[in-house]
Amino acid sequence: MGNLDHVDLELLAALAGDPRATVVALAEKLGLSRNTVQARMGRLERAGVFLSYERALSSSALGFPIEAFVNVMVRQAELPRITAELQRVPEVVQAHGLSGQVDLLVRVACRDTQHLFDTDARILAIEGVERTETSLAMGEVIGYRVTPLMELARRE
């Protein structure tokens, strides 16, 4: 949805500032009616603007303090099946398809380095996975964010 207007961007900015805000609170903050906010939220949701309503949890707090990124190279024709198999690996918390030499970038969370080694071996054992390269995450320096993009969109 590339046609967000000023009100949509203000609504999204308000939600970014307080993700748990109610429709009534958003309406008051933006000076809009509850029905207007509710209608716009529904339109934005149907357009796929909102990625997930799942609350982000700390993998470390769940007992999985080791995070790593696994570059996965695969036989291209088998990518859909490989992706489906990766979804069955509970340590896989995120995966992206990439262009270039690496086909998939897979983020995993593990208890310790042995668990990471075992998880990497399970990924490598998936039929069609040709090679993996694993990098240990030392820490997140910039978390997922869209507020700067919204500010840029509002200026343009």
N, C-alpha and C. Protein backbone atom coordinates (compact mmCIF):
# COMPACT_ATOMS: atom_id res chain seq x y z
N MET A 1 0.87 -1.18 0.00
CA MET A 1 0.00 0.00 0.00
C MET A 1 0.90 1.23 0.00
N GLY A 2 1.09 1.81 -1.14
CA GLY A 2 1.98 2.94 -1.25
C GLY A 2 1.28 4.28 -1.17
N ASN A 3 -0.03 4.30 -0.97
CA ASN A 3 -0.77 5.56 -0.99
C ASN A 3 -1.31 5.91 0.39
N LEU A 4 -0.43 5.98 1.36
CA LEU A 4 -0.82 6.40 2.70
C LEU A 4 -0.94 7.92 2.73
N ASP A 5 -2.05 8.42 3.24
CA ASP A 5 -2.20 9.87 3.32
C ASP A 5 -1.69 10.36 4.68
N HIS A 6 -1.79 11.66 4.88
CA HIS A 6 -1.29 12.29 6.11
C HIS A 6 -1.95 11.71 7.36
N VAL A 7 -3.24 11.46 7.31
CA VAL A 7 -3.95 10.91 8.47
C VAL A 7 -3.48 9.48 8.76
N ASP A 8 -3.30 8.67 7.71
CA ASP A 8 -2.79 7.32 7.90
C ASP A 8 -1.42 7.35 8.58
N LEU A 9 -0.54 8.23 8.10
CA LEU A 9 0.80 8.32 8.68
C LEU A 9 0.76 8.80 10.12
N GLU A 10 -0.12 9.74 10.43
CA GLU A 10 -0.26 10.20 11.81
C GLU A 10 -0.78 9.07 12.71
N LEU A 11 -1.72 8.30 12.19
CA LEU A 11 -2.26 7.16 12.94
C LEU A 11 -1.17 6.12 13.19
N LEU A 12 -0.39 5.82 12.18
CA LEU A 12 0.69 4.85 12.33
C LEU A 12 1.77 5.36 13.28
N ALA A 13 2.07 6.65 13.23
CA ALA A 13 3.04 7.23 14.16
C ALA A 13 2.54 7.13 15.60
N ALA A 14 1.25 7.38 15.80
CA ALA A 14 0.68 7.27 17.14
C ALA A 14 0.74 5.83 17.63
N LEU A 15 0.48 4.87 16.74
CA LEU A 15 0.57 3.46 17.11
C LEU A 15 2.01 3.05 17.40
N ALA A 16 2.96 3.58 16.63
CA ALA A 16 4.36 3.26 16.88
C ALA A 16 4.79 3.78 18.24
N GLY A 17 4.26 4.94 18.63
CA GLY A 17 4.58 5.51 19.94
C GLY A 17 3.92 4.76 21.09
N ASP A 18 2.75 4.20 20.85
CA ASP A 18 2.03 3.45 21.88
C ASP A 18 1.29 2.30 21.21
N PRO A 19 1.98 1.17 21.00
CA PRO A 19 1.38 0.05 20.28
C PRO A 19 0.12 -0.53 20.93
N ARG A 20 -0.07 -0.27 22.23
CA ARG A 20 -1.24 -0.82 22.91
C ARG A 20 -2.38 0.19 23.05
N ALA A 21 -2.28 1.30 22.36
CA ALA A 21 -3.32 2.33 22.44
C ALA A 21 -4.64 1.80 21.92
N THR A 22 -5.71 2.16 22.59
CA THR A 22 -7.05 1.77 22.14
C THR A 22 -7.49 2.69 21.01
N VAL A 23 -8.53 2.27 20.31
CA VAL A 23 -9.09 3.09 19.23
C VAL A 23 -9.56 4.42 19.79
N VAL A 24 -10.18 4.40 20.97
CA VAL A 24 -10.67 5.64 21.60
C VAL A 24 -9.50 6.57 21.92
N ALA A 25 -8.42 6.01 22.49
CA ALA A 25 -7.26 6.83 22.82
C ALA A 25 -6.62 7.42 21.56
N LEU A 26 -6.55 6.63 20.50
CA LEU A 26 -5.99 7.12 19.24
C LEU A 26 -6.86 8.23 18.67
N ALA A 27 -8.17 8.05 18.74
CA ALA A 27 -9.09 9.06 18.22
C ALA A 27 -8.92 10.38 18.97
N GLU A 28 -8.81 10.29 20.30
CA GLU A 28 -8.61 11.50 21.11
C GLU A 28 -7.29 12.17 20.77
N LYS A 29 -6.24 11.37 20.67
CA LYS A 29 -4.91 11.92 20.40
C LYS A 29 -4.86 12.62 19.04
N LEU A 30 -5.54 12.06 18.04
CA LEU A 30 -5.48 12.59 16.68
C LEU A 30 -6.60 13.56 16.36
N GLY A 31 -7.55 13.72 17.27
CA GLY A 31 -8.67 14.62 17.02
C GLY A 31 -9.62 14.09 15.96
N LEU A 32 -9.79 12.77 15.93
CA LEU A 32 -10.66 12.13 14.95
C LEU A 32 -11.78 11.39 15.68
N SER A 33 -12.80 11.01 14.96
CA SER A 33 -13.86 10.21 15.57
C SER A 33 -13.38 8.77 15.73
N ARG A 34 -13.99 8.07 16.68
CA ARG A 34 -13.65 6.66 16.90
C ARG A 34 -13.93 5.86 15.63
N ASN A 35 -15.05 6.15 14.98
CA ASN A 35 -15.42 5.43 13.75
C ASN A 35 -14.39 5.65 12.64
N THR A 36 -13.87 6.87 12.51
CA THR A 36 -12.86 7.15 11.49
C THR A 36 -11.60 6.35 11.76
N VAL A 37 -11.15 6.35 13.02
CA VAL A 37 -9.94 5.60 13.38
C VAL A 37 -10.16 4.11 13.13
N GLN A 38 -11.30 3.61 13.55
CA GLN A 38 -11.59 2.19 13.38
C GLN A 38 -11.64 1.80 11.90
N ALA A 39 -12.26 2.64 11.10
CA ALA A 39 -12.35 2.37 9.66
C ALA A 39 -10.96 2.39 9.02
N ARG A 40 -10.15 3.36 9.38
CA ARG A 40 -8.80 3.44 8.82
C ARG A 40 -7.94 2.26 9.26
N MET A 41 -8.07 1.87 10.53
CA MET A 41 -7.32 0.71 11.04
C MET A 41 -7.71 -0.54 10.25
N GLY A 42 -8.99 -0.70 9.99
CA GLY A 42 -9.45 -1.85 9.21
C GLY A 42 -8.91 -1.84 7.79
N ARG A 43 -8.91 -0.67 7.17
CA ARG A 43 -8.37 -0.54 5.80
C ARG A 43 -6.88 -0.83 5.78
N LEU A 44 -6.15 -0.30 6.76
CA LEU A 44 -4.70 -0.54 6.84
C LEU A 44 -4.40 -2.02 7.06
N GLU A 45 -5.22 -2.64 7.91
CA GLU A 45 -5.02 -4.07 8.17
C GLU A 45 -5.28 -4.90 6.91
N ARG A 46 -6.36 -4.62 6.20
CA ARG A 46 -6.68 -5.36 4.97
C ARG A 46 -5.62 -5.15 3.90
N ALA A 47 -4.98 -3.98 3.91
CA ALA A 47 -3.94 -3.67 2.93
C ALA A 47 -2.59 -4.29 3.29
N GLY A 48 -2.51 -4.93 4.46
CA GLY A 48 -1.27 -5.59 4.84
C GLY A 48 -0.23 -4.67 5.46
N VAL A 49 -0.64 -3.51 5.95
CA VAL A 49 0.30 -2.57 6.56
C VAL A 49 0.85 -3.14 7.88
N PHE A 50 0.00 -3.80 8.65
CA PHE A 50 0.42 -4.36 9.93
C PHE A 50 0.99 -5.76 9.70
N LEU A 51 2.22 -5.97 10.15
CA LEU A 51 2.88 -7.25 9.91
C LEU A 51 2.42 -8.35 10.85
N SER A 52 2.30 -8.05 12.13
CA SER A 52 1.98 -9.10 13.08
C SER A 52 1.43 -8.48 14.36
N TYR A 53 0.53 -9.20 14.97
CA TYR A 53 0.04 -8.77 16.28
C TYR A 53 0.70 -9.59 17.39
N GLU A 54 1.64 -10.42 17.00
CA GLU A 54 2.35 -11.24 17.97
C GLU A 54 3.29 -10.35 18.78
N ARG A 55 3.23 -10.50 20.08
CA ARG A 55 4.10 -9.69 20.94
C ARG A 55 5.53 -10.21 20.81
N ALA A 56 6.47 -9.31 20.63
CA ALA A 56 7.88 -9.69 20.53
C ALA A 56 8.39 -10.11 21.91
N LEU A 57 8.96 -11.29 21.96
CA LEU A 57 9.48 -11.83 23.21
C LEU A 57 10.99 -11.99 23.13
N SER A 58 11.64 -11.91 24.26
CA SER A 58 13.07 -12.11 24.32
C SER A 58 13.38 -13.60 24.31
N SER A 59 14.13 -14.04 23.30
CA SER A 59 14.52 -15.46 23.26
C SER A 59 15.43 -15.79 24.44
N SER A 60 16.21 -14.82 24.87
CA SER A 60 17.08 -15.02 26.02
C SER A 60 16.27 -15.29 27.29
N ALA A 61 15.19 -14.55 27.47
CA ALA A 61 14.34 -14.76 28.65
C ALA A 61 13.67 -16.13 28.63
N LEU A 62 13.50 -16.70 27.44
CA LEU A 62 12.92 -18.03 27.30
C LEU A 62 13.95 -19.14 27.48
N GLY A 63 15.22 -18.75 27.71
CA GLY A 63 16.27 -19.74 27.92
C GLY A 63 17.11 -20.03 26.69
N PHE A 64 17.05 -19.16 25.69
CA PHE A 64 17.81 -19.33 24.46
C PHE A 64 18.64 -18.07 24.18
N PRO A 65 19.73 -17.88 24.95
CA PRO A 65 20.49 -16.63 24.87
C PRO A 65 21.42 -16.51 23.66
N ILE A 66 21.68 -17.62 22.97
CA ILE A 66 22.58 -17.59 21.82
C ILE A 66 21.75 -17.38 20.55
N GLU A 67 22.03 -16.30 19.82
CA GLU A 67 21.39 -16.07 18.54
C GLU A 67 22.46 -16.08 17.46
N ALA A 68 22.08 -16.62 16.31
CA ALA A 68 23.01 -16.68 15.19
C ALA A 68 22.24 -16.50 13.89
N PHE A 69 22.98 -16.12 12.87
CA PHE A 69 22.44 -16.01 11.52
C PHE A 69 23.10 -17.08 10.67
N VAL A 70 22.27 -17.88 10.03
CA VAL A 70 22.77 -18.97 9.21
C VAL A 70 22.49 -18.63 7.75
N ASN A 71 23.56 -18.47 6.97
CA ASN A 71 23.43 -18.31 5.53
C ASN A 71 23.24 -19.70 4.94
N VAL A 72 22.16 -19.89 4.20
CA VAL A 72 21.84 -21.21 3.66
C VAL A 72 21.82 -21.14 2.14
N MET A 73 22.60 -22.01 1.52
CA MET A 73 22.62 -22.13 0.08
C MET A 73 21.89 -23.43 -0.28
N VAL A 74 20.95 -23.34 -1.23
CA VAL A 74 20.08 -24.48 -1.54
C VAL A 74 20.01 -24.73 -3.03
N ARG A 75 19.46 -25.90 -3.39
CA ARG A 75 19.10 -26.15 -4.78
C ARG A 75 17.80 -25.40 -5.02
N GLN A 76 17.82 -24.46 -5.94
CA GLN A 76 16.72 -23.52 -6.14
C GLN A 76 15.37 -24.19 -6.33
N ALA A 77 15.32 -25.27 -7.07
CA ALA A 77 14.04 -25.93 -7.36
C ALA A 77 13.38 -26.47 -6.10
N GLU A 78 14.15 -26.64 -5.05
CA GLU A 78 13.63 -27.24 -3.82
C GLU A 78 13.37 -26.20 -2.72
N LEU A 79 13.48 -24.94 -3.07
CA LEU A 79 13.33 -23.87 -2.08
C LEU A 79 12.00 -23.91 -1.31
N PRO A 80 10.85 -24.08 -1.97
CA PRO A 80 9.58 -24.12 -1.20
C PRO A 80 9.55 -25.26 -0.16
N ARG A 81 10.02 -26.45 -0.54
CA ARG A 81 10.02 -27.57 0.39
C ARG A 81 11.01 -27.34 1.53
N ILE A 82 12.17 -26.79 1.20
CA ILE A 82 13.18 -26.50 2.23
C ILE A 82 12.64 -25.47 3.22
N THR A 83 11.98 -24.45 2.71
CA THR A 83 11.38 -23.43 3.58
C THR A 83 10.35 -24.07 4.51
N ALA A 84 9.53 -24.97 3.98
CA ALA A 84 8.53 -25.65 4.81
C ALA A 84 9.21 -26.49 5.90
N GLU A 85 10.31 -27.13 5.56
CA GLU A 85 11.03 -27.92 6.56
C GLU A 85 11.68 -27.03 7.61
N LEU A 86 12.19 -25.88 7.20
CA LEU A 86 12.78 -24.94 8.16
C LEU A 86 11.74 -24.46 9.17
N GLN A 87 10.49 -24.31 8.72
CA GLN A 87 9.42 -23.88 9.63
C GLN A 87 9.19 -24.89 10.75
N ARG A 88 9.57 -26.14 10.53
CA ARG A 88 9.38 -27.16 11.55
C ARG A 88 10.54 -27.22 12.55
N VAL A 89 11.57 -26.42 12.34
CA VAL A 89 12.70 -26.36 13.28
C VAL A 89 12.39 -25.27 14.29
N PRO A 90 12.12 -25.63 15.56
CA PRO A 90 11.67 -24.62 16.53
C PRO A 90 12.70 -23.52 16.81
N GLU A 91 13.95 -23.80 16.62
CA GLU A 91 15.00 -22.79 16.88
C GLU A 91 15.02 -21.70 15.82
N VAL A 92 14.41 -21.95 14.66
CA VAL A 92 14.35 -20.94 13.60
C VAL A 92 13.29 -19.91 13.98
N VAL A 93 13.73 -18.69 14.24
CA VAL A 93 12.80 -17.64 14.65
C VAL A 93 12.46 -16.69 13.51
N GLN A 94 13.24 -16.74 12.43
CA GLN A 94 12.99 -15.85 11.30
C GLN A 94 13.81 -16.33 10.11
N ALA A 95 13.31 -16.10 8.91
CA ALA A 95 14.07 -16.44 7.71
C ALA A 95 13.68 -15.49 6.58
N HIS A 96 14.67 -15.14 5.78
CA HIS A 96 14.46 -14.26 4.64
C HIS A 96 15.06 -14.91 3.40
N GLY A 97 14.36 -14.82 2.28
CA GLY A 97 14.93 -15.21 1.00
C GLY A 97 15.77 -14.06 0.49
N LEU A 98 16.91 -14.36 -0.07
CA LEU A 98 17.84 -13.33 -0.53
C LEU A 98 18.17 -13.51 -2.00
N SER A 99 18.63 -12.43 -2.61
CA SER A 99 19.22 -12.53 -3.94
C SER A 99 20.73 -12.64 -3.74
N GLY A 100 21.42 -13.07 -4.74
CA GLY A 100 22.87 -13.18 -4.62
C GLY A 100 23.31 -14.60 -4.34
N GLN A 101 24.48 -14.76 -3.76
CA GLN A 101 25.06 -16.08 -3.55
C GLN A 101 24.37 -16.86 -2.43
N VAL A 102 23.83 -16.16 -1.46
CA VAL A 102 23.13 -16.81 -0.34
C VAL A 102 21.64 -16.82 -0.66
N ASP A 103 21.01 -17.97 -0.48
CA ASP A 103 19.58 -18.10 -0.81
C ASP A 103 18.68 -17.73 0.35
N LEU A 104 19.05 -18.12 1.56
CA LEU A 104 18.24 -17.85 2.74
C LEU A 104 19.11 -17.32 3.87
N LEU A 105 18.59 -16.35 4.59
CA LEU A 105 19.23 -15.89 5.82
C LEU A 105 18.30 -16.31 6.95
N VAL A 106 18.77 -17.23 7.77
CA VAL A 106 17.95 -17.84 8.82
C VAL A 106 18.48 -17.40 10.18
N ARG A 107 17.59 -16.85 10.99
CA ARG A 107 17.94 -16.44 12.35
C ARG A 107 17.50 -17.54 13.30
N VAL A 108 18.42 -17.99 14.14
CA VAL A 108 18.11 -19.06 15.09
C VAL A 108 18.43 -18.60 16.50
N ALA A 109 17.74 -19.21 17.47
CA ALA A 109 18.00 -18.96 18.90
C ALA A 109 18.26 -20.31 19.56
N CYS A 110 19.33 -20.37 20.36
CA CYS A 110 19.75 -21.64 20.96
C CYS A 110 20.15 -21.45 22.42
N ARG A 111 20.20 -22.57 23.15
CA ARG A 111 20.57 -22.54 24.58
C ARG A 111 22.06 -22.27 24.79
N ASP A 112 22.89 -22.89 23.94
CA ASP A 112 24.34 -22.77 24.08
C ASP A 112 24.98 -23.11 22.75
N THR A 113 26.30 -23.10 22.71
CA THR A 113 26.98 -23.31 21.43
C THR A 113 26.79 -24.73 20.91
N GLN A 114 26.70 -25.72 21.79
CA GLN A 114 26.45 -27.10 21.33
C GLN A 114 25.06 -27.19 20.68
N HIS A 115 24.09 -26.54 21.29
CA HIS A 115 22.74 -26.51 20.72
C HIS A 115 22.78 -25.83 19.35
N LEU A 116 23.55 -24.76 19.21
CA LEU A 116 23.70 -24.08 17.93
C LEU A 116 24.33 -25.02 16.90
N PHE A 117 25.36 -25.74 17.32
CA PHE A 117 26.02 -26.70 16.43
C PHE A 117 25.03 -27.76 15.96
N ASP A 118 24.21 -28.28 16.87
CA ASP A 118 23.21 -29.29 16.53
C ASP A 118 22.13 -28.73 15.61
N THR A 119 21.71 -27.49 15.88
CA THR A 119 20.69 -26.85 15.05
C THR A 119 21.22 -26.64 13.63
N ASP A 120 22.45 -26.18 13.52
CA ASP A 120 23.06 -25.99 12.20
C ASP A 120 23.14 -27.33 11.47
N ALA A 121 23.48 -28.39 12.18
CA ALA A 121 23.57 -29.71 11.56
C ALA A 121 22.20 -30.17 11.05
N ARG A 122 21.12 -29.87 11.80
CA ARG A 122 19.78 -30.24 11.36
C ARG A 122 19.38 -29.46 10.10
N ILE A 123 19.76 -28.19 10.04
CA ILE A 123 19.48 -27.39 8.84
C ILE A 123 20.25 -27.96 7.65
N LEU A 124 21.50 -28.27 7.87
CA LEU A 124 22.35 -28.82 6.80
C LEU A 124 21.85 -30.18 6.33
N ALA A 125 21.20 -30.93 7.19
CA ALA A 125 20.70 -32.27 6.85
C ALA A 125 19.42 -32.23 6.02
N ILE A 126 18.79 -31.06 5.89
CA ILE A 126 17.58 -30.96 5.06
C ILE A 126 17.96 -31.22 3.61
N GLU A 127 17.24 -32.16 2.98
CA GLU A 127 17.51 -32.50 1.59
C GLU A 127 17.40 -31.25 0.71
N GLY A 128 18.43 -30.97 -0.07
CA GLY A 128 18.45 -29.81 -0.95
C GLY A 128 19.28 -28.66 -0.41
N VAL A 129 19.61 -28.69 0.90
CA VAL A 129 20.51 -27.69 1.46
C VAL A 129 21.92 -28.11 1.09
N GLU A 130 22.62 -27.25 0.39
CA GLU A 130 23.95 -27.60 -0.09
C GLU A 130 25.06 -27.16 0.86
N ARG A 131 24.83 -26.01 1.53
CA ARG A 131 25.90 -25.49 2.40
C ARG A 131 25.31 -24.46 3.34
N THR A 132 25.93 -24.33 4.51
CA THR A 132 25.55 -23.27 5.44
C THR A 132 26.80 -22.57 5.94
N GLU A 133 26.63 -21.33 6.33
CA GLU A 133 27.67 -20.56 7.02
C GLU A 133 26.99 -19.87 8.18
N THR A 134 27.52 -20.07 9.38
CA THR A 134 26.86 -19.57 10.58
C THR A 134 27.68 -18.46 11.22
N SER A 135 27.01 -17.36 11.57
CA SER A 135 27.65 -16.25 12.26
C SER A 135 26.93 -16.02 13.58
N LEU A 136 27.67 -15.99 14.64
CA LEU A 136 27.12 -15.75 15.97
C LEU A 136 26.78 -14.27 16.11
N ALA A 137 25.57 -13.98 16.55
CA ALA A 137 25.17 -12.59 16.77
C ALA A 137 25.77 -12.12 18.09
N MET A 138 26.50 -11.03 18.05
CA MET A 138 27.15 -10.51 19.25
C MET A 138 26.23 -9.56 20.01
N GLY A 139 25.20 -9.09 19.37
CA GLY A 139 24.25 -8.18 20.00
C GLY A 139 23.53 -7.38 18.93
N GLU A 140 22.31 -6.98 19.25
CA GLU A 140 21.54 -6.18 18.31
C GLU A 140 21.92 -4.72 18.52
N VAL A 141 22.40 -4.08 17.46
CA VAL A 141 22.81 -2.68 17.59
C VAL A 141 21.73 -1.72 17.11
N ILE A 142 20.88 -2.17 16.19
CA ILE A 142 19.71 -1.39 15.77
C ILE A 142 18.56 -2.39 15.66
N GLY A 143 17.57 -2.24 16.50
CA GLY A 143 16.41 -3.11 16.47
C GLY A 143 15.51 -2.78 15.30
N TYR A 144 14.57 -3.68 15.02
CA TYR A 144 13.62 -3.44 13.95
C TYR A 144 12.89 -2.13 14.22
N ARG A 145 12.82 -1.28 13.21
CA ARG A 145 12.20 0.03 13.39
C ARG A 145 11.62 0.52 12.08
N VAL A 146 10.54 1.24 12.16
CA VAL A 146 9.95 1.85 10.97
C VAL A 146 9.66 3.33 11.19
N THR A 147 9.80 3.81 12.41
CA THR A 147 9.51 5.21 12.70
C THR A 147 10.30 6.17 11.81
N PRO A 148 11.62 5.94 11.58
CA PRO A 148 12.32 6.85 10.66
C PRO A 148 11.76 6.83 9.24
N LEU A 149 11.27 5.66 8.78
CA LEU A 149 10.64 5.59 7.46
C LEU A 149 9.35 6.37 7.42
N MET A 150 8.56 6.29 8.51
CA MET A 150 7.32 7.06 8.56
C MET A 150 7.61 8.55 8.54
N GLU A 151 8.65 8.97 9.27
CA GLU A 151 9.00 10.39 9.27
C GLU A 151 9.44 10.83 7.88
N LEU A 152 10.19 9.98 7.18
CA LEU A 152 10.61 10.30 5.82
C LEU A 152 9.39 10.39 4.91
N ALA A 153 8.46 9.45 5.03
CA ALA A 153 7.24 9.47 4.20
C ALA A 153 6.41 10.72 4.48
N ARG A 154 6.37 11.16 5.73
CA ARG A 154 5.59 12.36 6.07
C ARG A 154 6.23 13.61 5.48
N ARG A 155 7.56 13.63 5.38
CA ARG A 155 8.24 14.80 4.81
C ARG A 155 8.09 14.85 3.29
N GLU A 156 7.93 13.70 2.66
CA GLU A 156 7.89 13.65 1.18
C GLU A 156 6.54 13.90 0.68
